[in-house]
Amino acid sequence: MANRQADRAIQRKRPGRRAATAGLETEHAAMRCRYANGATAIGRMRHRQNARRHDGRRTTR
């Protein structure tokens, strides 16, 4: 899972979560971590949106 996310970050030319934490925009990276964990309401909403989007595809696999 982690390496797939890193690949996606490389494709986007954007540092991954761990690299961003090591870099300058630390607090922004921390916010993204909290989004990903679903700690914030926005993160939870985002998770629910993704789940709804992939719902039809999940049954076939």
C-alpha atoms as a PDB file:
ATOM      1  CA  MET A   1       0.000   0.000   0.000  1.00  0.00           C
ATOM      2  CA  ALA A   2       2.710   2.432   1.013  1.00  0.00           C
ATOM      3  CA  ASN A   3       4.829   1.923  -2.089  1.00  0.00           C
ATOM      4  CA  ARG A   4       1.790   2.321  -4.337  1.00  0.00           C
ATOM      5  CA  GLN A   5       1.075   5.679  -2.716  1.00  0.00           C
ATOM      6  CA  ALA A   6       4.718   6.662  -3.213  1.00  0.00           C
ATOM      7  CA  ASP A   7       4.465   5.740  -6.895  1.00  0.00           C
ATOM      8  CA  ARG A   8       1.393   7.903  -7.236  1.00  0.00           C
ATOM      9  CA  ALA A   9       3.178  10.775  -5.513  1.00  0.00           C
ATOM     10  CA  ILE A  10       6.124  10.419  -7.897  1.00  0.00           C
ATOM     11  CA  GLN A  11       3.755  10.487 -10.863  1.00  0.00           C
ATOM     12  CA  ARG A  12       2.204  13.674  -9.526  1.00  0.00           C
ATOM     13  CA  LYS A  13       5.678  15.182  -8.977  1.00  0.00           C
ATOM     14  CA  ARG A  14       4.674  15.755  -5.374  1.00  0.00           C
ATOM     15  CA  PRO A  15       6.421  14.351  -2.310  1.00  0.00           C
ATOM     16  CA  GLY A  16       4.648  11.586  -0.468  1.00  0.00           C
ATOM     17  CA  ARG A  17       3.359  11.842   3.062  1.00  0.00           C
ATOM     18  CA  ARG A  18       6.638  10.762   4.667  1.00  0.00           C
ATOM     19  CA  ALA A  19       8.822  12.917   2.420  1.00  0.00           C
ATOM     20  CA  ALA A  20       6.629  15.956   2.988  1.00  0.00           C
ATOM     21  CA  THR A  21       6.854  15.434   6.750  1.00  0.00           C
ATOM     22  CA  ALA A  22      10.638  15.492   6.477  1.00  0.00           C
ATOM     23  CA  GLY A  23      10.520  18.590   4.278  1.00  0.00           C
ATOM     24  CA  LEU A  24       9.476  22.172   4.796  1.00  0.00           C
ATOM     25  CA  GLU A  25       5.691  22.036   4.742  1.00  0.00           C
ATOM     26  CA  THR A  26       5.544  19.910   7.876  1.00  0.00           C
ATOM     27  CA  GLU A  27       2.275  21.154   9.313  1.00  0.00           C
ATOM     28  CA  HIS A  28       0.565  20.820   5.941  1.00  0.00           C
ATOM     29  CA  ALA A  29       1.827  17.246   5.743  1.00  0.00           C
ATOM     30  CA  ALA A  30       0.486  16.623   9.239  1.00  0.00           C
ATOM     31  CA  MET A  31      -2.893  17.908   8.098  1.00  0.00           C
ATOM     32  CA  ARG A  32      -2.787  15.502   5.149  1.00  0.00           C
ATOM     33  CA  CYS A  33      -1.955  12.656   7.523  1.00  0.00           C
ATOM     34  CA  ARG A  34      -4.997  13.573   9.592  1.00  0.00           C
ATOM     35  CA  TYR A  35      -7.106  13.677   6.434  1.00  0.00           C
ATOM     36  CA  ALA A  36      -5.881  10.223   5.489  1.00  0.00           C
ATOM     37  CA  ASN A  37      -6.580   8.833   8.953  1.00  0.00           C
ATOM     38  CA  GLY A  38     -10.096  10.243   8.867  1.00  0.00           C
ATOM     39  CA  ALA A  39      -9.360  12.205  12.032  1.00  0.00           C
ATOM     40  CA  THR A  40     -11.004  15.314  10.593  1.00  0.00           C
ATOM     41  CA  ALA A  41     -14.572  15.511   9.349  1.00  0.00           C
ATOM     42  CA  ILE A  42     -13.275  16.400   5.881  1.00  0.00           C
ATOM     43  CA  GLY A  43     -11.128  13.279   5.792  1.00  0.00           C
ATOM     44  CA  ARG A  44     -14.065  11.100   6.774  1.00  0.00           C
ATOM     45  CA  MET A  45     -16.228  12.714   4.096  1.00  0.00           C
ATOM     46  CA  ARG A  46     -13.495  12.114   1.530  1.00  0.00           C
ATOM     47  CA  HIS A  47     -13.287   8.453   2.524  1.00  0.00           C
ATOM     48  CA  ARG A  48     -17.034   8.083   2.156  1.00  0.00           C
ATOM     49  CA  GLN A  49     -16.962   9.727  -1.261  1.00  0.00           C
ATOM     50  CA  ASN A  50     -14.252   7.334  -2.448  1.00  0.00           C
ATOM     51  CA  ALA A  51     -16.152   4.342  -1.080  1.00  0.00           C
ATOM     52  CA  ARG A  52     -19.309   5.451  -2.856  1.00  0.00           C
ATOM     53  CA  ARG A  53     -17.380   5.963  -6.078  1.00  0.00           C
ATOM     54  CA  HIS A  54     -15.876   2.463  -6.038  1.00  0.00           C
ATOM     55  CA  ASP A  55     -18.968   0.709  -4.753  1.00  0.00           C
ATOM     56  CA  GLY A  56     -20.107  -0.712  -8.087  1.00  0.00           C
ATOM     57  CA  ARG A  57     -16.657  -1.954  -8.990  1.00  0.00           C
ATOM     58  CA  ARG A  58     -16.058  -3.675  -5.674  1.00  0.00           C
ATOM     59  CA  THR A  59     -18.691  -6.367  -6.198  1.00  0.00           C
ATOM     60  CA  THR A  60     -17.229  -7.677  -9.466  1.00  0.00           C
ATOM     61  CA  ARG A  61     -13.729  -8.276  -8.155  1.00  0.00           C
END
